[in-house]
């Protein structure tokens, strides 16, 4: 994860989604508990109880779920197939872009 500069990885087995392992999982469940990185299994520390969203869900819905559950990553499924991960960073960036667009439209309306 550090090598690729990513904060999470999807855990799969035989094309079946099992969970997500995040930097937070690693730091809280291995480092802070002084476990051995070489002997601790991913299955022991990965997050498995995350809510899921679909590509059709709104950014607002994702933000609400992530805030309520205090999570930074959620799997995205389309027809029961994992299609990606959405991060809090993705949600914040999209929210900022939407707000900028609204501001631009309001400025154009005021100036016309």
PDB file of N, CA and C in Angstrom:
ATOM      1  N   UNK A   1       0.827  -1.185   0.000  1.00  0.00           N
ATOM      2  CA  UNK A   1       0.000   0.000   0.000  1.00  0.00           C
ATOM      3  C   UNK A   1       0.874   1.253   0.000  1.00  0.00           C
ATOM      4  N   UNK A   2       1.927   1.249   0.807  1.00  0.00           N
ATOM      5  CA  UNK A   2       2.826   2.399   0.843  1.00  0.00           C
ATOM      6  C   UNK A   2       3.518   2.585  -0.505  1.00  0.00           C
ATOM      7  N   UNK A   3       3.921   1.481  -1.104  1.00  0.00           N
ATOM      8  CA  UNK A   3       4.617   1.539  -2.389  1.00  0.00           C
ATOM      9  C   UNK A   3       3.745   2.150  -3.479  1.00  0.00           C
ATOM     10  N   UNK A   4       2.457   1.861  -3.463  1.00  0.00           N
ATOM     11  CA  UNK A   4       1.516   2.360  -4.471  1.00  0.00           C
ATOM     12  C   UNK A   4       0.792   3.632  -4.028  1.00  0.00           C
ATOM     13  N   UNK A   5       1.085   4.086  -2.799  1.00  0.00           N
ATOM     14  CA  UNK A   5       0.469   5.297  -2.241  1.00  0.00           C
ATOM     15  C   UNK A   5      -1.058   5.211  -2.228  1.00  0.00           C
ATOM     16  N   UNK A   6      -1.558   4.093  -1.716  1.00  0.00           N
ATOM     17  CA  UNK A   6      -2.999   3.910  -1.580  1.00  0.00           C
ATOM     18  C   UNK A   6      -3.335   3.587  -0.121  1.00  0.00           C
ATOM     19  N   UNK A   7      -4.540   3.894   0.281  1.00  0.00           N
ATOM     20  CA  UNK A   7      -4.925   3.720   1.671  1.00  0.00           C
ATOM     21  C   UNK A   7      -5.711   2.466   1.978  1.00  0.00           C
ATOM     22  N   UNK A   8      -6.055   1.705   0.920  1.00  0.00           N
ATOM     23  CA  UNK A   8      -6.838   0.497   1.157  1.00  0.00           C
ATOM     24  C   UNK A   8      -6.641  -0.492   0.027  1.00  0.00           C
ATOM     25  N   UNK A   9      -6.898  -1.748   0.337  1.00  0.00           N
ATOM     26  CA  UNK A   9      -6.900  -2.804  -0.687  1.00  0.00           C
ATOM     27  C   UNK A   9      -8.131  -3.671  -0.471  1.00  0.00           C
ATOM     28  N   UNK A  10      -8.682  -4.147  -1.575  1.00  0.00           N
ATOM     29  CA  UNK A  10      -9.829  -5.044  -1.526  1.00  0.00           C
ATOM     30  C   UNK A  10      -9.311  -6.456  -1.296  1.00  0.00           C
ATOM     31  N   UNK A  11      -9.988  -7.190  -0.424  1.00  0.00           N
ATOM     32  CA  UNK A  11      -9.617  -8.579  -0.157  1.00  0.00           C
ATOM     33  C   UNK A  11     -10.635  -9.466  -0.866  1.00  0.00           C
ATOM     34  N   UNK A  12     -10.115 -10.290  -1.785  1.00  0.00           N
ATOM     35  CA  UNK A  12     -10.956 -11.169  -2.587  1.00  0.00           C
ATOM     36  C   UNK A  12     -10.455 -12.602  -2.446  1.00  0.00           C
ATOM     37  N   UNK A  13     -11.373 -13.553  -2.654  1.00  0.00           N
ATOM     38  CA  UNK A  13     -10.996 -14.961  -2.709  1.00  0.00           C
ATOM     39  C   UNK A  13     -11.897 -15.629  -3.742  1.00  0.00           C
ATOM     40  N   UNK A  14     -11.281 -16.183  -4.774  1.00  0.00           N
ATOM     41  CA  UNK A  14     -12.043 -16.822  -5.860  1.00  0.00           C
ATOM     42  C   UNK A  14     -13.125 -15.890  -6.414  1.00  0.00           C
ATOM     43  N   UNK A  15     -12.767 -14.663  -6.716  1.00  0.00           N
ATOM     44  CA  UNK A  15     -13.674 -13.636  -7.253  1.00  0.00           C
ATOM     45  C   UNK A  15     -14.799 -13.246  -6.289  1.00  0.00           C
ATOM     46  N   UNK A  16     -14.669 -13.605  -5.033  1.00  0.00           N
ATOM     47  CA  UNK A  16     -15.673 -13.237  -4.029  1.00  0.00           C
ATOM     48  C   UNK A  16     -15.095 -12.165  -3.106  1.00  0.00           C
ATOM     49  N   UNK A  17     -15.852 -11.083  -2.932  1.00  0.00           N
ATOM     50  CA  UNK A  17     -15.451  -9.991  -2.046  1.00  0.00           C
ATOM     51  C   UNK A  17     -15.516 -10.449  -0.597  1.00  0.00           C
ATOM     52  N   UNK A  18     -14.423 -10.261   0.137  1.00  0.00           N
ATOM     53  CA  UNK A  18     -14.382 -10.623   1.562  1.00  0.00           C
ATOM     54  C   UNK A  18     -14.319  -9.406   2.474  1.00  0.00           C
ATOM     55  N   UNK A  19     -13.683  -8.342   2.015  1.00  0.00           N
ATOM     56  CA  UNK A  19     -13.555  -7.158   2.852  1.00  0.00           C
ATOM     57  C   UNK A  19     -12.544  -6.186   2.281  1.00  0.00           C
ATOM     58  N   UNK A  20     -12.199  -5.201   3.097  1.00  0.00           N
ATOM     59  CA  UNK A  20     -11.209  -4.191   2.730  1.00  0.00           C
ATOM     60  C   UNK A  20     -10.219  -4.074   3.882  1.00  0.00           C
ATOM     61  N   UNK A  21      -8.943  -4.001   3.554  1.00  0.00           N
ATOM     62  CA  UNK A  21      -7.926  -3.738   4.561  1.00  0.00           C
ATOM     63  C   UNK A  21      -7.405  -2.327   4.321  1.00  0.00           C
ATOM     64  N   UNK A  22      -7.389  -1.537   5.383  1.00  0.00           N
ATOM     65  CA  UNK A  22      -6.967  -0.147   5.272  1.00  0.00           C
ATOM     66  C   UNK A  22      -5.732   0.115   6.130  1.00  0.00           C
ATOM     67  N   UNK A  23      -5.137   1.259   5.878  1.00  0.00           N
ATOM     68  CA  UNK A  23      -4.017   1.688   6.718  1.00  0.00           C
ATOM     69  C   UNK A  23      -4.469   1.779   8.179  1.00  0.00           C
ATOM     70  N   UNK A  24      -5.681   2.239   8.375  1.00  0.00           N
ATOM     71  CA  UNK A  24      -6.225   2.356   9.727  1.00  0.00           C
ATOM     72  C   UNK A  24      -6.333   0.984  10.393  1.00  0.00           C
ATOM     73  N   UNK A  25      -6.812  -0.022   9.630  1.00  0.00           N
ATOM     74  CA  UNK A  25      -6.887  -1.381  10.167  1.00  0.00           C
ATOM     75  C   UNK A  25      -5.506  -1.844  10.612  1.00  0.00           C
ATOM     76  N   UNK A  26      -4.522  -1.621   9.764  1.00  0.00           N
ATOM     77  CA  UNK A  26      -3.159  -2.055  10.063  1.00  0.00           C
ATOM     78  C   UNK A  26      -2.603  -1.347  11.290  1.00  0.00           C
ATOM     79  N   UNK A  27      -2.749  -0.029  11.324  1.00  0.00           N
ATOM     80  CA  UNK A  27      -2.163   0.711  12.446  1.00  0.00           C
ATOM     81  C   UNK A  27      -2.855   0.401  13.767  1.00  0.00           C
ATOM     82  N   UNK A  28      -4.169   0.270  13.754  1.00  0.00           N
ATOM     83  CA  UNK A  28      -4.903   0.028  14.999  1.00  0.00           C
ATOM     84  C   UNK A  28      -4.860  -1.423  15.468  1.00  0.00           C
ATOM     85  N   UNK A  29      -4.842  -2.341  14.520  1.00  0.00           N
ATOM     86  CA  UNK A  29      -4.966  -3.751  14.890  1.00  0.00           C
ATOM     87  C   UNK A  29      -3.643  -4.514  14.870  1.00  0.00           C
ATOM     88  N   UNK A  30      -2.606  -3.895  14.340  1.00  0.00           N
ATOM     89  CA  UNK A  30      -1.289  -4.549  14.335  1.00  0.00           C
ATOM     90  C   UNK A  30      -0.295  -3.703  15.116  1.00  0.00           C
ATOM     91  N   UNK A  31      -0.028  -2.513  14.648  1.00  0.00           N
ATOM     92  CA  UNK A  31       0.996  -1.656  15.260  1.00  0.00           C
ATOM     93  C   UNK A  31       0.644  -1.303  16.709  1.00  0.00           C
ATOM     94  N   UNK A  32      -0.546  -0.771  16.934  1.00  0.00           N
ATOM     95  CA  UNK A  32      -0.911  -0.341  18.293  1.00  0.00           C
ATOM     96  C   UNK A  32      -1.058  -1.500  19.272  1.00  0.00           C
ATOM     97  N   UNK A  33      -1.357  -2.672  18.752  1.00  0.00           N
ATOM     98  CA  UNK A  33      -1.483  -3.861  19.613  1.00  0.00           C
ATOM     99  C   UNK A  33      -0.192  -4.667  19.652  1.00  0.00           C
ATOM    100  N   UNK A  34       0.851  -4.084  19.037  1.00  0.00           N
ATOM    101  CA  UNK A  34       2.182  -4.691  19.022  1.00  0.00           C
ATOM    102  C   UNK A  34       2.180  -6.132  18.510  1.00  0.00           C
ATOM    103  N   UNK A  35       1.386  -6.363  17.472  1.00  0.00           N
ATOM    104  CA  UNK A  35       1.375  -7.672  16.817  1.00  0.00           C
ATOM    105  C   UNK A  35       2.491  -7.723  15.781  1.00  0.00           C
ATOM    106  N   UNK A  36       2.830  -8.896  15.361  1.00  0.00           N
ATOM    107  CA  UNK A  36       3.876  -9.096  14.365  1.00  0.00           C
ATOM    108  C   UNK A  36       3.275  -9.002  12.963  1.00  0.00           C
ATOM    109  N   UNK A  37       3.800  -8.101  12.154  1.00  0.00           N
ATOM    110  CA  UNK A  37       3.307  -7.914  10.786  1.00  0.00           C
ATOM    111  C   UNK A  37       3.501  -9.155   9.923  1.00  0.00           C
ATOM    112  N   UNK A  38       4.521  -9.909  10.210  1.00  0.00           N
ATOM    113  CA  UNK A  38       4.838 -11.074   9.393  1.00  0.00           C
ATOM    114  C   UNK A  38       3.915 -12.265   9.688  1.00  0.00           C
ATOM    115  N   UNK A  39       3.349 -12.308  10.883  1.00  0.00           N
ATOM    116  CA  UNK A  39       2.519 -13.465  11.239  1.00  0.00           C
ATOM    117  C   UNK A  39       1.030 -13.142  11.346  1.00  0.00           C
ATOM    118  N   UNK A  40       0.681 -11.873  11.380  1.00  0.00           N
ATOM    119  CA  UNK A  40      -0.730 -11.486  11.456  1.00  0.00           C
ATOM    120  C   UNK A  40      -1.360 -11.629  10.074  1.00  0.00           C
ATOM    121  N   UNK A  41      -2.471 -12.330  10.000  1.00  0.00           N
ATOM    122  CA  UNK A  41      -3.156 -12.553   8.724  1.00  0.00           C
ATOM    123  C   UNK A  41      -4.076 -11.376   8.393  1.00  0.00           C
ATOM    124  N   UNK A  42      -4.202 -11.100   7.128  1.00  0.00           N
ATOM    125  CA  UNK A  42      -5.091 -10.042   6.655  1.00  0.00           C
ATOM    126  C   UNK A  42      -6.506 -10.283   7.168  1.00  0.00           C
ATOM    127  N   UNK A  43      -6.944 -11.531   7.170  1.00  0.00           N
ATOM    128  CA  UNK A  43      -8.303 -11.859   7.616  1.00  0.00           C
ATOM    129  C   UNK A  43      -8.555 -11.462   9.064  1.00  0.00           C
ATOM    130  N   UNK A  44      -7.499 -11.330   9.854  1.00  0.00           N
ATOM    131  CA  UNK A  44      -7.642 -10.953  11.267  1.00  0.00           C
ATOM    132  C   UNK A  44      -7.867  -9.456  11.445  1.00  0.00           C
ATOM    133  N   UNK A  45      -7.477  -8.665  10.468  1.00  0.00           N
ATOM    134  CA  UNK A  45      -7.535  -7.216  10.657  1.00  0.00           C
ATOM    135  C   UNK A  45      -8.405  -6.473   9.650  1.00  0.00           C
ATOM    136  N   UNK A  46      -8.817  -7.139   8.576  1.00  0.00           N
ATOM    137  CA  UNK A  46      -9.587  -6.442   7.537  1.00  0.00           C
ATOM    138  C   UNK A  46     -10.984  -6.060   8.039  1.00  0.00           C
ATOM    139  N   UNK A  47     -11.557  -5.064   7.406  1.00  0.00           N
ATOM    140  CA  UNK A  47     -12.916  -4.625   7.711  1.00  0.00           C
ATOM    141  C   UNK A  47     -13.882  -5.416   6.844  1.00  0.00           C
ATOM    142  N   UNK A  48     -14.856  -6.050   7.477  1.00  0.00           N
ATOM    143  CA  UNK A  48     -15.792  -6.891   6.734  1.00  0.00           C
ATOM    144  C   UNK A  48     -17.230  -6.406   6.843  1.00  0.00           C
ATOM    145  N   UNK A  49     -17.492  -5.492   7.734  1.00  0.00           N
ATOM    146  CA  UNK A  49     -18.869  -5.071   7.999  1.00  0.00           C
ATOM    147  C   UNK A  49     -19.186  -3.697   7.418  1.00  0.00           C
ATOM    148  N   UNK A  50     -18.525  -3.334   6.343  1.00  0.00           N
ATOM    149  CA  UNK A  50     -18.736  -2.017   5.752  1.00  0.00           C
ATOM    150  C   UNK A  50     -20.039  -1.976   4.965  1.00  0.00           C
ATOM    151  N   UNK A  51     -20.714  -0.823   4.981  1.00  0.00           N
ATOM    152  CA  UNK A  51     -21.877  -0.686   4.105  1.00  0.00           C
ATOM    153  C   UNK A  51     -21.381  -0.663   2.661  1.00  0.00           C
ATOM    154  N   UNK A  52     -22.258  -0.973   1.747  1.00  0.00           N
ATOM    155  CA  UNK A  52     -21.898  -0.950   0.325  1.00  0.00           C
ATOM    156  C   UNK A  52     -22.795   0.025  -0.408  1.00  0.00           C
ATOM    157  N   UNK A  53     -22.279   0.540  -1.520  1.00  0.00           N
ATOM    158  CA  UNK A  53     -23.053   1.454  -2.357  1.00  0.00           C
ATOM    159  C   UNK A  53     -22.983   0.962  -3.797  1.00  0.00           C
ATOM    160  N   UNK A  54     -23.829   1.548  -4.629  1.00  0.00           N
ATOM    161  CA  UNK A  54     -23.831   1.221  -6.056  1.00  0.00           C
ATOM    162  C   UNK A  54     -23.404   2.472  -6.824  1.00  0.00           C
ATOM    163  N   UNK A  55     -23.018   2.313  -8.081  1.00  0.00           N
ATOM    164  CA  UNK A  55     -22.639   3.483  -8.885  1.00  0.00           C
ATOM    165  C   UNK A  55     -23.762   4.510  -9.006  1.00  0.00           C
ATOM    166  N   UNK A  56     -25.000   4.096  -8.831  1.00  0.00           N
ATOM    167  CA  UNK A  56     -26.141   5.004  -8.950  1.00  0.00           C
ATOM    168  C   UNK A  56     -26.386   5.827  -7.685  1.00  0.00           C
ATOM    169  N   UNK A  57     -25.770   5.453  -6.569  1.00  0.00           N
ATOM    170  CA  UNK A  57     -25.977   6.189  -5.321  1.00  0.00           C
ATOM    171  C   UNK A  57     -25.356   7.582  -5.409  1.00  0.00           C
ATOM    172  N   UNK A  58     -25.947   8.517  -4.681  1.00  0.00           N
ATOM    173  CA  UNK A  58     -25.463   9.895  -4.714  1.00  0.00           C
ATOM    174  C   UNK A  58     -24.238  10.074  -3.817  1.00  0.00           C
ATOM    175  N   UNK A  59     -23.491  11.110  -4.126  1.00  0.00           N
ATOM    176  CA  UNK A  59     -22.336  11.470  -3.295  1.00  0.00           C
ATOM    177  C   UNK A  59     -22.819  11.819  -1.889  1.00  0.00           C
ATOM    178  N   UNK A  60     -23.954  12.483  -1.809  1.00  0.00           N
ATOM    179  CA  UNK A  60     -24.522  12.845  -0.499  1.00  0.00           C
ATOM    180  C   UNK A  60     -24.802  11.593   0.336  1.00  0.00           C
ATOM    181  N   UNK A  61     -25.345  10.568  -0.309  1.00  0.00           N
ATOM    182  CA  UNK A  61     -25.629   9.304   0.385  1.00  0.00           C
ATOM    183  C   UNK A  61     -24.322   8.669   0.892  1.00  0.00           C
ATOM    184  N   UNK A  62     -23.301   8.671   0.043  1.00  0.00           N
ATOM    185  CA  UNK A  62     -22.001   8.122   0.444  1.00  0.00           C
ATOM    186  C   UNK A  62     -21.430   8.890   1.632  1.00  0.00           C
ATOM    187  N   UNK A  63     -21.500  10.208   1.569  1.00  0.00           N
ATOM    188  CA  UNK A  63     -20.990  11.053   2.661  1.00  0.00           C
ATOM    189  C   UNK A  63     -21.731  10.735   3.955  1.00  0.00           C
ATOM    190  N   UNK A  64     -23.045  10.586   3.873  1.00  0.00           N
ATOM    191  CA  UNK A  64     -23.846  10.284   5.053  1.00  0.00           C
ATOM    192  C   UNK A  64     -23.432   8.945   5.670  1.00  0.00           C
ATOM    193  N   UNK A  65     -23.318   7.908   4.856  1.00  0.00           N
ATOM    194  CA  UNK A  65     -22.917   6.586   5.358  1.00  0.00           C
ATOM    195  C   UNK A  65     -21.522   6.617   5.973  1.00  0.00           C
ATOM    196  N   UNK A  66     -20.604   7.258   5.287  1.00  0.00           N
ATOM    197  CA  UNK A  66     -19.225   7.296   5.768  1.00  0.00           C
ATOM    198  C   UNK A  66     -19.116   8.074   7.074  1.00  0.00           C
ATOM    199  N   UNK A  67     -19.879   9.136   7.187  1.00  0.00           N
ATOM    200  CA  UNK A  67     -19.871   9.934   8.413  1.00  0.00           C
ATOM    201  C   UNK A  67     -20.502   9.167   9.566  1.00  0.00           C
ATOM    202  N   UNK A  68     -21.666   8.561   9.319  1.00  0.00           N
ATOM    203  CA  UNK A  68     -22.348   7.788  10.365  1.00  0.00           C
ATOM    204  C   UNK A  68     -21.506   6.623  10.878  1.00  0.00           C
ATOM    205  N   UNK A  69     -20.826   5.935   9.960  1.00  0.00           N
ATOM    206  CA  UNK A  69     -20.057   4.731  10.324  1.00  0.00           C
ATOM    207  C   UNK A  69     -18.595   5.042  10.662  1.00  0.00           C
ATOM    208  N   UNK A  70     -18.210   6.313  10.512  1.00  0.00           N
ATOM    209  CA  UNK A  70     -16.834   6.746  10.771  1.00  0.00           C
ATOM    210  C   UNK A  70     -15.832   5.904   9.974  1.00  0.00           C
ATOM    211  N   UNK A  71     -16.074   5.819   8.665  1.00  0.00           N
ATOM    212  CA  UNK A  71     -15.202   5.051   7.784  1.00  0.00           C
ATOM    213  C   UNK A  71     -14.682   5.935   6.658  1.00  0.00           C
ATOM    214  N   UNK A  72     -13.593   5.520   6.064  1.00  0.00           N
ATOM    215  CA  UNK A  72     -12.972   6.294   4.993  1.00  0.00           C
ATOM    216  C   UNK A  72     -13.101   5.644   3.627  1.00  0.00           C
ATOM    217  N   UNK A  73     -13.511   4.383   3.599  1.00  0.00           N
ATOM    218  CA  UNK A  73     -13.610   3.647   2.338  1.00  0.00           C
ATOM    219  C   UNK A  73     -14.871   2.783   2.332  1.00  0.00           C
ATOM    220  N   UNK A  74     -15.488   2.665   1.150  1.00  0.00           N
ATOM    221  CA  UNK A  74     -16.638   1.774   0.988  1.00  0.00           C
ATOM    222  C   UNK A  74     -16.551   1.071  -0.358  1.00  0.00           C
ATOM    223  N   UNK A  75     -16.931  -0.206  -0.380  1.00  0.00           N
ATOM    224  CA  UNK A  75     -16.954  -0.904  -1.660  1.00  0.00           C
ATOM    225  C   UNK A  75     -18.159  -0.463  -2.494  1.00  0.00           C
ATOM    226  N   UNK A  76     -17.961  -0.467  -3.813  1.00  0.00           N
ATOM    227  CA  UNK A  76     -19.020  -0.115  -4.754  1.00  0.00           C
ATOM    228  C   UNK A  76     -19.356  -1.376  -5.549  1.00  0.00           C
ATOM    229  N   UNK A  77     -20.636  -1.773  -5.498  1.00  0.00           N
ATOM    230  CA  UNK A  77     -21.100  -2.967  -6.198  1.00  0.00           C
ATOM    231  C   UNK A  77     -22.119  -2.590  -7.256  1.00  0.00           C
ATOM    232  N   UNK A  78     -22.029  -3.258  -8.392  1.00  0.00           N
ATOM    233  CA  UNK A  78     -23.014  -3.109  -9.455  1.00  0.00           C
ATOM    234  C   UNK A  78     -23.485  -4.516  -9.826  1.00  0.00           C
ATOM    235  N   UNK A  79     -24.768  -4.791  -9.592  1.00  0.00           N
ATOM    236  CA  UNK A  79     -25.325  -6.132  -9.820  1.00  0.00           C
ATOM    237  C   UNK A  79     -24.518  -7.211  -9.088  1.00  0.00           C
ATOM    238  N   UNK A  80     -24.276  -6.974  -7.811  1.00  0.00           N
ATOM    239  CA  UNK A  80     -23.549  -7.907  -6.937  1.00  0.00           C
ATOM    240  C   UNK A  80     -22.104  -8.155  -7.359  1.00  0.00           C
ATOM    241  N   UNK A  81     -21.550  -7.299  -8.211  1.00  0.00           N
ATOM    242  CA  UNK A  81     -20.162  -7.429  -8.621  1.00  0.00           C
ATOM    243  C   UNK A  81     -19.386  -6.204  -8.143  1.00  0.00           C
ATOM    244  N   UNK A  82     -18.261  -6.462  -7.471  1.00  0.00           N
ATOM    245  CA  UNK A  82     -17.431  -5.357  -7.000  1.00  0.00           C
ATOM    246  C   UNK A  82     -16.888  -4.588  -8.196  1.00  0.00           C
ATOM    247  N   UNK A  83     -17.137  -3.280  -8.209  1.00  0.00           N
ATOM    248  CA  UNK A  83     -16.652  -2.455  -9.317  1.00  0.00           C
ATOM    249  C   UNK A  83     -15.632  -1.421  -8.872  1.00  0.00           C
ATOM    250  N   UNK A  84     -15.469  -1.242  -7.566  1.00  0.00           N
ATOM    251  CA  UNK A  84     -14.480  -0.277  -7.090  1.00  0.00           C
ATOM    252  C   UNK A  84     -14.635   0.042  -5.626  1.00  0.00           C
ATOM    253  N   UNK A  85     -13.878   1.050  -5.221  1.00  0.00           N
ATOM    254  CA  UNK A  85     -13.921   1.559  -3.849  1.00  0.00           C
ATOM    255  C   UNK A  85     -14.087   3.067  -3.943  1.00  0.00           C
ATOM    256  N   UNK A  86     -14.902   3.621  -3.086  1.00  0.00           N
ATOM    257  CA  UNK A  86     -14.998   5.072  -2.995  1.00  0.00           C
ATOM    258  C   UNK A  86     -14.414   5.482  -1.647  1.00  0.00           C
ATOM    259  N   UNK A  87     -13.645   6.546  -1.655  1.00  0.00           N
ATOM    260  CA  UNK A  87     -13.002   7.015  -0.425  1.00  0.00           C
ATOM    261  C   UNK A  87     -13.620   8.332   0.021  1.00  0.00           C
ATOM    262  N   UNK A  88     -13.390   8.676   1.267  1.00  0.00           N
ATOM    263  CA  UNK A  88     -13.863   9.955   1.786  1.00  0.00           C
ATOM    264  C   UNK A  88     -13.222  11.088   0.977  1.00  0.00           C
ATOM    265  N   UNK A  89     -11.979  10.899   0.577  1.00  0.00           N
ATOM    266  CA  UNK A  89     -11.303  11.894  -0.250  1.00  0.00           C
ATOM    267  C   UNK A  89     -12.040  12.094  -1.571  1.00  0.00           C
ATOM    268  N   UNK A  90     -12.487  11.005  -2.203  1.00  0.00           N
ATOM    269  CA  UNK A  90     -13.266  11.102  -3.439  1.00  0.00           C
ATOM    270  C   UNK A  90     -14.537  11.909  -3.214  1.00  0.00           C
ATOM    271  N   UNK A  91     -15.215  11.613  -2.116  1.00  0.00           N
ATOM    272  CA  UNK A  91     -16.482  12.268  -1.800  1.00  0.00           C
ATOM    273  C   UNK A  91     -16.272  13.762  -1.556  1.00  0.00           C
ATOM    274  N   UNK A  92     -15.240  14.098  -0.799  1.00  0.00           N
ATOM    275  CA  UNK A  92     -14.957  15.508  -0.504  1.00  0.00           C
ATOM    276  C   UNK A  92     -14.598  16.261  -1.788  1.00  0.00           C
ATOM    277  N   UNK A  93     -13.752  15.678  -2.626  1.00  0.00           N
ATOM    278  CA  UNK A  93     -13.371  16.334  -3.888  1.00  0.00           C
ATOM    279  C   UNK A  93     -14.592  16.599  -4.753  1.00  0.00           C
ATOM    280  N   UNK A  94     -15.468  15.616  -4.874  1.00  0.00           N
ATOM    281  CA  UNK A  94     -16.668  15.778  -5.704  1.00  0.00           C
ATOM    282  C   UNK A  94     -17.610  16.826  -5.113  1.00  0.00           C
ATOM    283  N   UNK A  95     -17.719  16.856  -3.799  1.00  0.00           N
ATOM    284  CA  UNK A  95     -18.567  17.850  -3.135  1.00  0.00           C
ATOM    285  C   UNK A  95     -18.044  19.258  -3.398  1.00  0.00           C
ATOM    286  N   UNK A  96     -16.742  19.436  -3.304  1.00  0.00           N
ATOM    287  CA  UNK A  96     -16.134  20.743  -3.564  1.00  0.00           C
ATOM    288  C   UNK A  96     -16.360  21.158  -5.015  1.00  0.00           C
ATOM    289  N   UNK A  97     -16.182  20.225  -5.955  1.00  0.00           N
ATOM    290  CA  UNK A  97     -16.425  20.543  -7.367  1.00  0.00           C
ATOM    291  C   UNK A  97     -17.877  20.966  -7.605  1.00  0.00           C
ATOM    292  N   UNK A  98     -18.802  20.254  -6.981  1.00  0.00           N
ATOM    293  CA  UNK A  98     -20.227  20.592  -7.136  1.00  0.00           C
ATOM    294  C   UNK A  98     -20.521  21.979  -6.564  1.00  0.00           C
ATOM    295  N   UNK A  99     -19.911  22.297  -5.425  1.00  0.00           N
ATOM    296  CA  UNK A  99     -20.128  23.615  -4.823  1.00  0.00           C
ATOM    297  C   UNK A  99     -19.539  24.725  -5.695  1.00  0.00           C
ATOM    298  N   UNK A 100     -18.374  24.474  -6.273  1.00  0.00           N
ATOM    299  CA  UNK A 100     -17.763  25.470  -7.172  1.00  0.00           C
ATOM    300  C   UNK A 100     -18.662  25.710  -8.378  1.00  0.00           C
ATOM    301  N   UNK A 101     -19.225  24.635  -8.919  1.00  0.00           N
ATOM    302  CA  UNK A 101     -20.127  24.760 -10.066  1.00  0.00           C
ATOM    303  C   UNK A 101     -21.360  25.583  -9.697  1.00  0.00           C
ATOM    304  N   UNK A 102     -21.913  25.343  -8.526  1.00  0.00           N
ATOM    305  CA  UNK A 102     -23.071  26.111  -8.058  1.00  0.00           C
ATOM    306  C   UNK A 102     -22.711  27.584  -7.908  1.00  0.00           C
ATOM    307  N   UNK A 103     -21.562  27.868  -7.354  1.00  0.00           N
ATOM    308  CA  UNK A 103     -21.110  29.250  -7.175  1.00  0.00           C
ATOM    309  C   UNK A 103     -20.943  29.923  -8.534  1.00  0.00           C
ATOM    310  N   UNK A 104     -20.334  29.220  -9.489  1.00  0.00           N
ATOM    311  CA  UNK A 104     -20.160  29.786 -10.837  1.00  0.00           C
ATOM    312  C   UNK A 104     -21.499  30.090 -11.489  1.00  0.00           C
ATOM    313  N   UNK A 105     -22.456  29.180 -11.350  1.00  0.00           N
ATOM    314  CA  UNK A 105     -23.776  29.405 -11.933  1.00  0.00           C
ATOM    315  C   UNK A 105     -24.459  30.607 -11.291  1.00  0.00           C
ATOM    316  N   UNK A 106     -24.329  30.731  -9.967  1.00  0.00           N
ATOM    317  CA  UNK A 106     -24.931  31.878  -9.276  1.00  0.00           C
ATOM    318  C   UNK A 106     -24.265  33.187  -9.689  1.00  0.00           C
ATOM    319  N   UNK A 107     -22.936  33.150  -9.843  1.00  0.00           N
ATOM    320  CA  UNK A 107     -22.240  34.369 -10.284  1.00  0.00           C
ATOM    321  C   UNK A 107     -22.654  34.757 -11.691  1.00  0.00           C
ATOM    322  N   UNK A 108     -22.793  33.781 -12.565  1.00  0.00           N
ATOM    323  CA  UNK A 108     -23.236  34.064 -13.929  1.00  0.00           C
ATOM    324  C   UNK A 108     -24.649  34.622 -13.956  1.00  0.00           C
ATOM    325  N   UNK A 109     -25.510  34.101 -13.099  1.00  0.00           N
ATOM    326  CA  UNK A 109     -26.891  34.588 -13.002  1.00  0.00           C
ATOM    327  C   UNK A 109     -26.918  36.035 -12.505  1.00  0.00           C
ATOM    328  N   UNK A 110     -26.124  36.308 -11.480  1.00  0.00           N
ATOM    329  CA  UNK A 110     -26.071  37.670 -10.908  1.00  0.00           C
ATOM    330  C   UNK A 110     -25.522  38.669 -11.926  1.00  0.00           C
ATOM    331  N   UNK A 111     -24.517  38.248 -12.667  1.00  0.00           N
ATOM    332  CA  UNK A 111     -23.865  39.149 -13.623  1.00  0.00           C
ATOM    333  C   UNK A 111     -24.630  39.308 -14.932  1.00  0.00           C
ATOM    334  N   UNK A 112     -25.669  38.520 -15.141  1.00  0.00           N
ATOM    335  CA  UNK A 112     -26.396  38.628 -16.414  1.00  0.00           C
ATOM    336  C   UNK A 112     -27.612  39.510 -16.321  1.00  0.00           C
TER     337      UNK A 112
END
